[in-house]
Structure formats: structure tokens, C-alpha cells
PDB file of N, CA and C in Angstrom:
ATOM      1  N   MET A   1      94.525 266.678  21.899  1.00  0.00           N
ATOM      2  CA  MET A   1      95.337 267.848  22.422  1.00  0.00           C
ATOM      3  C   MET A   1      96.831 267.629  22.111  1.00  0.00           C
ATOM      4  N   PRO A   2      97.105 268.000  20.910  1.00  0.00           N
ATOM      5  CA  PRO A   2      98.631 267.648  20.460  1.00  0.00           C
ATOM      6  C   PRO A   2      99.600 268.598  21.321  1.00  0.00           C
ATOM      7  N   ARG A   3      99.266 269.824  21.798  1.00  0.00           N
ATOM      8  CA  ARG A   3     100.073 270.641  22.360  1.00  0.00           C
ATOM      9  C   ARG A   3      99.836 270.830  23.895  1.00  0.00           C
ATOM     10  N   GLY A   4      98.741 270.067  24.433  1.00  0.00           N
ATOM     11  CA  GLY A   4      98.464 270.035  25.793  1.00  0.00           C
ATOM     12  C   GLY A   4      97.842 271.387  26.180  1.00  0.00           C
ATOM     13  N   ASP A   5      97.317 272.103  25.201  1.00  0.00           N
ATOM     14  CA  ASP A   5      96.648 273.465  25.601  1.00  0.00           C
ATOM     15  C   ASP A   5      95.163 273.535  25.680  1.00  0.00           C
ATOM     16  N   GLY A   6      94.619 272.281  25.540  1.00  0.00           N
ATOM     17  CA  GLY A   6      93.102 272.191  25.562  1.00  0.00           C
ATOM     18  C   GLY A   6      92.403 272.508  24.410  1.00  0.00           C
ATOM     19  N   THR A   7      93.132 272.695  23.212  1.00  0.00           N
ATOM     20  CA  THR A   7      92.406 273.128  22.050  1.00  0.00           C
ATOM     21  C   THR A   7      91.851 272.048  21.187  1.00  0.00           C
ATOM     22  N   GLY A   8      92.179 270.768  21.504  1.00  0.00           N
ATOM     23  CA  GLY A   8      91.729 269.685  20.657  1.00  0.00           C
ATOM     24  C   GLY A   8      92.513 269.500  19.474  1.00  0.00           C
ATOM     25  N   PRO A   9      91.900 268.454  18.663  1.00  0.00           N
ATOM     26  CA  PRO A   9      92.708 268.192  17.470  1.00  0.00           C
ATOM     27  C   PRO A   9      92.673 269.419  16.478  1.00  0.00           C
ATOM     28  N   GLU A  10      93.677 269.695  15.815  1.00  0.00           N
ATOM     29  CA  GLU A  10      93.839 270.669  14.790  1.00  0.00           C
ATOM     30  C   GLU A  10      93.376 272.029  15.333  1.00  0.00           C
ATOM     31  N   GLY A  11      93.469 272.308  16.690  1.00  0.00           N
ATOM     32  CA  GLY A  11      93.134 273.698  17.244  1.00  0.00           C
ATOM     33  C   GLY A  11      91.776 274.000  17.145  1.00  0.00           C
ATOM     34  N   LYS A  12      90.833 273.121  16.848  1.00  0.00           N
ATOM     35  CA  LYS A  12      89.430 273.526  16.693  1.00  0.00           C
ATOM     36  C   LYS A  12      88.610 273.537  18.012  1.00  0.00           C
ATOM     37  N   GLY A  13      89.300 273.410  19.070  1.00  0.00           N
ATOM     38  CA  GLY A  13      88.525 273.466  20.394  1.00  0.00           C
ATOM     39  C   GLY A  13      88.356 272.034  21.000  1.00  0.00           C
ATOM     40  N   ALA A  14      88.034 272.040  22.336  1.00  0.00           N
ATOM     41  CA  ALA A  14      87.884 270.887  23.042  1.00  0.00           C
ATOM     42  C   ALA A  14      86.713 269.913  22.479  1.00  0.00           C
ATOM     43  N   ALA A  15      86.741 268.682  22.722  1.00  0.00           N
ATOM     44  CA  ALA A  15      85.641 267.806  22.310  1.00  0.00           C
ATOM     45  C   ALA A  15      85.229 267.686  20.892  1.00  0.00           C
ATOM     46  N   THR A  16      86.222 267.887  19.995  1.00  0.00           N
ATOM     47  CA  THR A  16      85.945 267.734  18.612  1.00  0.00           C
ATOM     48  C   THR A  16      86.581 266.596  17.865  1.00  0.00           C
ATOM     49  N   GLY A  17      87.206 265.663  18.641  1.00  0.00           N
ATOM     50  CA  GLY A  17      87.889 264.567  17.933  1.00  0.00           C
ATOM     51  C   GLY A  17      86.929 263.263  17.960  1.00  0.00           C
ATOM     52  N   ARG A  18      87.564 262.102  17.742  1.00  0.00           N
ATOM     53  CA  ARG A  18      86.792 260.808  17.669  1.00  0.00           C
ATOM     54  C   ARG A  18      86.210 260.442  18.959  1.00  0.00           C
ATOM     55  N   GLY A  19      86.997 260.779  20.123  1.00  0.00           N
ATOM     56  CA  GLY A  19      86.385 260.436  21.404  1.00  0.00           C
ATOM     57  C   GLY A  19      85.435 261.370  22.093  1.00  0.00           C
ATOM     58  N   LYS A  20      84.992 262.245  21.353  1.00  0.00           N
ATOM     59  CA  LYS A  20      84.006 263.186  21.996  1.00  0.00           C
ATOM     60  C   LYS A  20      82.810 262.676  22.520  1.00  0.00           C
ATOM     61  N   ARG A  21      82.152 263.244  23.502  1.00  0.00           N
ATOM     62  CA  ARG A  21      80.982 262.849  24.051  1.00  0.00           C
ATOM     63  C   ARG A  21      79.736 263.342  23.177  1.00  0.00           C
ATOM     64  N   GLY A  22      78.609 262.624  23.307  1.00  0.00           N
ATOM     65  CA  GLY A  22      77.503 263.016  22.456  1.00  0.00           C
ATOM     66  C   GLY A  22      77.028 262.116  21.494  1.00  0.00           C
ATOM     67  N   GLY A  23      76.743 262.656  20.279  1.00  0.00           N
ATOM     68  CA  GLY A  23      76.208 261.747  19.222  1.00  0.00           C
ATOM     69  C   GLY A  23      77.194 261.232  18.341  1.00  0.00           C
ATOM     70  N   GLY A  24      76.951 260.388  17.461  1.00  0.00           N
ATOM     71  CA  GLY A  24      77.876 259.838  16.460  1.00  0.00           C
ATOM     72  C   GLY A  24      78.421 258.543  16.956  1.00  0.00           C
ATOM     73  N   GLN A  25      79.225 257.909  16.091  1.00  0.00           N
ATOM     74  CA  GLN A  25      79.723 256.508  16.447  1.00  0.00           C
ATOM     75  C   GLN A  25      80.853 256.606  17.475  1.00  0.00           C
ATOM     76  N   GLY A  26      80.671 255.522  18.252  1.00  0.00           N
ATOM     77  CA  GLY A  26      81.777 255.413  19.256  1.00  0.00           C
ATOM     78  C   GLY A  26      81.909 256.505  20.348  1.00  0.00           C
ATOM     79  N   ALA A  27      80.809 257.106  20.522  1.00  0.00           N
ATOM     80  CA  ALA A  27      80.831 258.350  21.443  1.00  0.00           C
ATOM     81  C   ALA A  27      80.439 257.940  22.858  1.00  0.00           C
ATOM     82  N   GLY A  28      81.394 257.732  23.634  1.00  0.00           N
ATOM     83  CA  GLY A  28      81.175 257.302  25.040  1.00  0.00           C
ATOM     84  C   GLY A  28      80.611 255.872  25.241  1.00  0.00           C
ATOM     85  N   ARG A  29      79.970 255.519  26.259  1.00  0.00           N
ATOM     86  CA  ARG A  29      79.409 254.269  26.548  1.00  0.00           C
ATOM     87  C   ARG A  29      78.077 254.093  26.085  1.00  0.00           C
ATOM     88  N   ALA A  30      77.745 252.903  25.807  1.00  0.00           N
ATOM     89  CA  ALA A  30      76.452 252.679  25.222  1.00  0.00           C
ATOM     90  C   ALA A  30      75.393 252.767  26.394  1.00  0.00           C
ATOM     91  N   THR A  31      74.158 253.430  26.015  1.00  0.00           N
ATOM     92  CA  THR A  31      73.154 253.530  27.090  1.00  0.00           C
ATOM     93  C   THR A  31      72.012 252.943  26.483  1.00  0.00           C
ATOM     94  N   GLY A  32      71.074 252.552  27.270  1.00  0.00           N
ATOM     95  CA  GLY A  32      69.811 252.073  26.857  1.00  0.00           C
ATOM     96  C   GLY A  32      69.044 251.452  27.879  1.00  0.00           C
ATOM     97  N   THR A  33      68.049 250.923  27.628  1.00  0.00           N
ATOM     98  CA  THR A  33      67.168 250.290  28.641  1.00  0.00           C
ATOM     99  C   THR A  33      67.784 249.218  29.406  1.00  0.00           C
ATOM    100  N   GLY A  34      68.063 249.447  30.826  1.00  0.00           N
ATOM    101  CA  GLY A  34      68.506 248.297  31.679  1.00  0.00           C
ATOM    102  C   GLY A  34      70.050 248.234  31.484  1.00  0.00           C
ATOM    103  N   SER A  35      70.678 249.217  30.874  1.00  0.00           N
ATOM    104  CA  SER A  35      72.145 249.128  30.768  1.00  0.00           C
ATOM    105  C   SER A  35      72.870 249.135  32.050  1.00  0.00           C
ATOM    106  N   SER A  36      72.284 249.693  33.155  1.00  0.00           N
ATOM    107  CA  SER A  36      72.925 249.656  34.448  1.00  0.00           C
ATOM    108  C   SER A  36      72.795 248.274  35.111  1.00  0.00           C
ATOM    109  N   ARG A  37      72.041 247.435  34.550  1.00  0.00           N
ATOM    110  CA  ARG A  37      71.904 246.076  35.108  1.00  0.00           C
ATOM    111  C   ARG A  37      72.706 245.053  34.303  1.00  0.00           C
ATOM    112  N   LEU A  38      73.439 245.411  33.416  1.00  0.00           N
ATOM    113  CA  LEU A  38      74.243 244.597  32.562  1.00  0.00           C
ATOM    114  C   LEU A  38      75.747 244.292  33.382  1.00  0.00           C
ATOM    115  N   GLY A  39      76.245 243.154  33.159  1.00  0.00           N
ATOM    116  CA  GLY A  39      77.495 243.001  33.596  1.00  0.00           C
ATOM    117  C   GLY A  39      78.531 243.349  32.800  1.00  0.00           C
ATOM    118  N   ARG A  40      79.892 243.078  33.107  1.00  0.00           N
ATOM    119  CA  ARG A  40      80.963 243.556  32.273  1.00  0.00           C
ATOM    120  C   ARG A  40      80.950 243.117  30.903  1.00  0.00           C
ATOM    121  N   MET A  41      80.512 241.941  30.750  1.00  0.00           N
ATOM    122  CA  MET A  41      80.431 241.341  29.153  1.00  0.00           C
ATOM    123  C   MET A  41      79.119 241.434  28.627  1.00  0.00           C
ATOM    124  N   GLY A  42      78.163 242.348  29.363  1.00  0.00           N
ATOM    125  CA  GLY A  42      76.878 242.490  28.632  1.00  0.00           C
ATOM    126  C   GLY A  42      75.806 241.460  29.134  1.00  0.00           C
ATOM    127  N   GLY A  43      76.120 240.524  30.050  1.00  0.00           N
ATOM    128  CA  GLY A  43      75.132 239.597  30.476  1.00  0.00           C
ATOM    129  C   GLY A  43      74.511 240.234  31.759  1.00  0.00           C
ATOM    130  N   THR A  44      73.580 239.430  32.289  1.00  0.00           N
ATOM    131  CA  THR A  44      72.941 239.870  33.537  1.00  0.00           C
ATOM    132  C   THR A  44      73.854 239.800  34.726  1.00  0.00           C
ATOM    133  N   ARG A  45      73.463 240.471  35.881  1.00  0.00           N
ATOM    134  CA  ARG A  45      74.389 240.405  36.978  1.00  0.00           C
ATOM    135  C   ARG A  45      73.681 239.471  37.930  1.00  0.00           C
ATOM    136  N   ALA A  46      73.055 238.468  37.565  1.00  0.00           N
ATOM    137  CA  ALA A  46      72.315 237.590  38.557  1.00  0.00           C
ATOM    138  C   ALA A  46      73.231 236.879  39.590  1.00  0.00           C
ATOM    139  N   GLY A  47      74.491 236.727  39.391  1.00  0.00           N
ATOM    140  CA  GLY A  47      75.385 236.102  40.259  1.00  0.00           C
ATOM    141  C   GLY A  47      76.121 236.979  41.199  1.00  0.00           C
ATOM    142  N   THR A  48      75.621 238.152  41.463  1.00  0.00           N
ATOM    143  CA  THR A  48      76.275 239.216  42.256  1.00  0.00           C
ATOM    144  C   THR A  48      75.417 239.576  43.473  1.00  0.00           C
ATOM    145  N   GLY A  49      75.974 240.016  44.421  1.00  0.00           N
ATOM    146  CA  GLY A  49      75.275 240.602  45.662  1.00  0.00           C
ATOM    147  C   GLY A  49      75.458 239.729  46.768  1.00  0.00           C
ATOM    148  N   PRO A  50      75.131 240.193  48.059  1.00  0.00           N
ATOM    149  CA  PRO A  50      75.429 239.550  49.189  1.00  0.00           C
ATOM    150  C   PRO A  50      74.512 238.260  49.429  1.00  0.00           C
ATOM    151  N   GLY A  51      73.263 238.339  48.992  1.00  0.00           N
ATOM    152  CA  GLY A  51      72.191 237.193  49.274  1.00  0.00           C
ATOM    153  C   GLY A  51      72.456 236.143  48.360  1.00  0.00           C
ATOM    154  N   GLY A  52      71.505 235.064  48.471  1.00  0.00           N
ATOM    155  CA  GLY A  52      71.386 234.034  47.551  1.00  0.00           C
ATOM    156  C   GLY A  52      72.071 232.661  48.070  1.00  0.00           C
ATOM    157  N   GLN A  53      72.166 231.731  47.137  1.00  0.00           N
ATOM    158  CA  GLN A  53      72.583 230.457  47.578  1.00  0.00           C
ATOM    159  C   GLN A  53      73.634 230.073  46.531  1.00  0.00           C
ATOM    160  N   CYS A  54      74.534 229.195  46.907  1.00  0.00           N
ATOM    161  CA  CYS A  54      75.540 228.517  46.146  1.00  0.00           C
ATOM    162  C   CYS A  54      75.014 227.134  45.711  1.00  0.00           C
ATOM    163  N   VAL A  55      75.187 226.748  44.618  1.00  0.00           N
ATOM    164  CA  VAL A  55      74.610 225.470  44.087  1.00  0.00           C
ATOM    165  C   VAL A  55      75.619 224.735  43.349  1.00  0.00           C
ATOM    166  N   CYS A  56      75.778 223.401  43.638  1.00  0.00           N
ATOM    167  CA  CYS A  56      76.752 222.494  43.080  1.00  0.00           C
ATOM    168  C   CYS A  56      76.242 222.108  41.596  1.00  0.00           C
ATOM    169  N   PRO A  57      77.001 222.447  40.622  1.00  0.00           N
ATOM    170  CA  PRO A  57      76.563 222.157  39.225  1.00  0.00           C
ATOM    171  C   PRO A  57      76.510 220.649  38.999  1.00  0.00           C
ATOM    172  N   SER A  58      77.331 219.753  39.756  1.00  0.00           N
ATOM    173  CA  SER A  58      77.218 218.387  39.477  1.00  0.00           C
ATOM    174  C   SER A  58      76.177 217.581  40.167  1.00  0.00           C
ATOM    175  N   CYS A  59      75.902 217.916  41.485  1.00  0.00           N
ATOM    176  CA  CYS A  59      75.008 217.043  42.125  1.00  0.00           C
ATOM    177  C   CYS A  59      73.683 217.804  42.655  1.00  0.00           C
ATOM    178  N   GLY A  60      73.880 219.156  42.469  1.00  0.00           N
ATOM    179  CA  GLY A  60      72.729 219.946  42.846  1.00  0.00           C
ATOM    180  C   GLY A  60      72.570 220.337  44.402  1.00  0.00           C
ATOM    181  N   ALA A  61      73.566 220.092  45.150  1.00  0.00           N
ATOM    182  CA  ALA A  61      73.501 220.379  46.501  1.00  0.00           C
ATOM    183  C   ALA A  61      73.424 221.908  46.645  1.00  0.00           C
ATOM    184  N   ILE A  62      72.634 222.367  47.636  1.00  0.00           N
ATOM    185  CA  ILE A  62      72.536 223.878  47.845  1.00  0.00           C
ATOM    186  C   ILE A  62      73.125 224.269  49.220  1.00  0.00           C
ATOM    187  N   ALA A  63      73.929 225.323  49.230  1.00  0.00           N
ATOM    188  CA  ALA A  63      74.430 225.890  50.517  1.00  0.00           C
ATOM    189  C   ALA A  63      74.181 227.391  50.523  1.00  0.00           C
ATOM    190  N   ALA A  64      74.052 228.022  51.689  1.00  0.00           N
ATOM    191  CA  ALA A  64      73.884 229.349  51.762  1.00  0.00           C
ATOM    192  C   ALA A  64      75.128 230.062  51.413  1.00  0.00           C
ATOM    193  N   HIS A  65      74.966 231.227  50.775  1.00  0.00           N
ATOM    194  CA  HIS A  65      76.080 232.093  50.198  1.00  0.00           C
ATOM    195  C   HIS A  65      76.669 232.756  51.447  1.00  0.00           C
ATOM    196  N   LYS A  66      77.997 232.764  51.621  1.00  0.00           N
ATOM    197  CA  LYS A  66      78.704 233.423  52.592  1.00  0.00           C
ATOM    198  C   LYS A  66      79.193 234.815  52.167  1.00  0.00           C
ATOM    199  N   ILE A  67      78.743 235.890  52.699  1.00  0.00           N
ATOM    200  CA  ILE A  67      79.154 237.183  52.423  1.00  0.00           C
ATOM    201  C   ILE A  67      80.681 237.286  52.437  1.00  0.00           C
ATOM    202  N   GLY A  68      81.306 237.948  51.384  1.00  0.00           N
ATOM    203  CA  GLY A  68      82.731 238.129  51.206  1.00  0.00           C
ATOM    204  C   GLY A  68      83.470 236.949  50.516  1.00  0.00           C
ATOM    205  N   ALA A  69      82.911 235.871  50.338  1.00  0.00           N
ATOM    206  CA  ALA A  69      83.523 234.681  49.688  1.00  0.00           C
ATOM    207  C   ALA A  69      82.695 234.164  48.509  1.00  0.00           C
ATOM    208  N   PRO A  70      83.176 234.338  47.247  1.00  0.00           N
ATOM    209  CA  PRO A  70      82.522 233.919  46.119  1.00  0.00           C
ATOM    210  C   PRO A  70      82.243 232.524  46.131  1.00  0.00           C
ATOM    211  N   CYS A  71      81.014 232.063  45.549  1.00  0.00           N
ATOM    212  CA  CYS A  71      80.624 230.674  45.577  1.00  0.00           C
ATOM    213  C   CYS A  71      81.589 229.805  44.792  1.00  0.00           C
ATOM    214  N   TYR A  72      82.397 230.292  43.843  1.00  0.00           N
ATOM    215  CA  TYR A  72      83.284 229.384  43.156  1.00  0.00           C
ATOM    216  C   TYR A  72      84.471 228.957  44.091  1.00  0.00           C
ATOM    217  N   GLN A  73      84.635 229.684  45.106  1.00  0.00           N
ATOM    218  CA  GLN A  73      85.708 229.252  46.089  1.00  0.00           C
ATOM    219  C   GLN A  73      85.264 228.150  47.021  1.00  0.00           C
ATOM    220  N   ALA A  74      83.908 228.179  47.269  1.00  0.00           N
ATOM    221  CA  ALA A  74      83.373 226.985  48.019  1.00  0.00           C
ATOM    222  C   ALA A  74      83.329 225.758  47.405  1.00  0.00           C
ATOM    223  N   ARG A  75      83.464 224.687  48.109  1.00  0.00           N
ATOM    224  CA  ARG A  75      83.351 223.337  47.694  1.00  0.00           C
ATOM    225  C   ARG A  75      82.053 222.599  48.036  1.00  0.00           C
ATOM    226  N   CYS A  76      81.483 221.855  47.343  1.00  0.00           N
ATOM    227  CA  CYS A  76      80.281 221.051  47.521  1.00  0.00           C
ATOM    228  C   CYS A  76      80.547 220.168  48.780  1.00  0.00           C
ATOM    229  N   PRO A  77      79.726 220.125  49.782  1.00  0.00           N
ATOM    230  CA  PRO A  77      80.022 219.171  50.778  1.00  0.00           C
ATOM    231  C   PRO A  77      79.839 217.688  50.513  1.00  0.00           C
ATOM    232  N   SER A  78      79.045 217.542  49.429  1.00  0.00           N
ATOM    233  CA  SER A  78      78.827 215.999  48.971  1.00  0.00           C
ATOM    234  C   SER A  78      79.839 215.583  48.041  1.00  0.00           C
ATOM    235  N   CYS A  79      80.257 216.327  47.024  1.00  0.00           N
ATOM    236  CA  CYS A  79      81.107 215.706  46.138  1.00  0.00           C
ATOM    237  C   CYS A  79      82.440 216.496  45.854  1.00  0.00           C
ATOM    238  N   GLY A  80      82.554 217.632  46.540  1.00  0.00           N
ATOM    239  CA  GLY A  80      83.843 218.527  46.441  1.00  0.00           C
ATOM    240  C   GLY A  80      83.993 219.335  45.106  1.00  0.00           C
ATOM    241  N   THR A  81      82.941 219.472  44.265  1.00  0.00           N
ATOM    242  CA  THR A  81      83.063 220.307  43.215  1.00  0.00           C
ATOM    243  C   THR A  81      82.874 221.732  43.574  1.00  0.00           C
ATOM    244  N   ALA A  82      83.464 222.725  42.658  1.00  0.00           N
ATOM    245  CA  ALA A  82      83.333 224.077  43.026  1.00  0.00           C
ATOM    246  C   ALA A  82      81.777 224.472  42.741  1.00  0.00           C
ATOM    247  N   MET A  83      81.293 225.208  43.719  1.00  0.00           N
ATOM    248  CA  MET A  83      79.882 225.700  43.599  1.00  0.00           C
ATOM    249  C   MET A  83      79.788 226.858  42.700  1.00  0.00           C
ATOM    250  N   VAL A  84      78.492 227.216  42.369  1.00  0.00           N
ATOM    251  CA  VAL A  84      78.279 228.415  41.529  1.00  0.00           C
ATOM    252  C   VAL A  84      77.063 229.165  42.157  1.00  0.00           C
ATOM    253  N   LYS A  85      76.955 230.433  41.933  1.00  0.00           N
ATOM    254  CA  LYS A  85      75.932 231.339  42.414  1.00  0.00           C
ATOM    255  C   LYS A  85      74.652 231.201  41.814  1.00  0.00           C
ATOM    256  N   LYS A  86      73.618 230.923  42.513  1.00  0.00           N
ATOM    257  CA  LYS A  86      72.173 230.862  41.940  1.00  0.00           C
ATOM    258  C   LYS A  86      71.453 232.129  42.027  1.00  0.00           C
TER     259      LYS A  86
END
């Protein structure tokens, strides 16, 4: 909208440029099977949520996940290494 009047590029109407929604290349976000289950970088969201366990990657010690505190902030009670979510 070069003039801010809602006419779109070259005055051809709204939603006619590269960023239009609908078909074509680069049109909006990718959708597909299970896309709502993907994380920000396209991986699974297995390490999110209130439940689960925190595991030490070094010694394998397991601790209950505390809601509101990410596992990487918790330290292993045995060796002091940062924990990861299981």
C-alpha cells in the first residue's frame, strides 16, 4: 500500500502483492499434518509443558520438574550439571 489507502501495490486492490494469503509461494505460514505440534525451529515440542521430569545428561539422575522453572536452570543434585527436560 504505497499511499496508505488500502489499494495494494499498483492500485490493483488489497491482497495482490507478494505477501498475500492463499496459494502461491511464500503465502503465509506453512500448514500441514501436525504443524501445530512443531516447535519454533520445526522440531517437536517434547520438552515443553508443566509435567515431566528433569534428567541429568551426565550421570542420568532424575528429578521432578518444577512448574515455572525450566529444567536447564536446575542443577543435578549428584554432579551439579544443568538438567534437561525428558
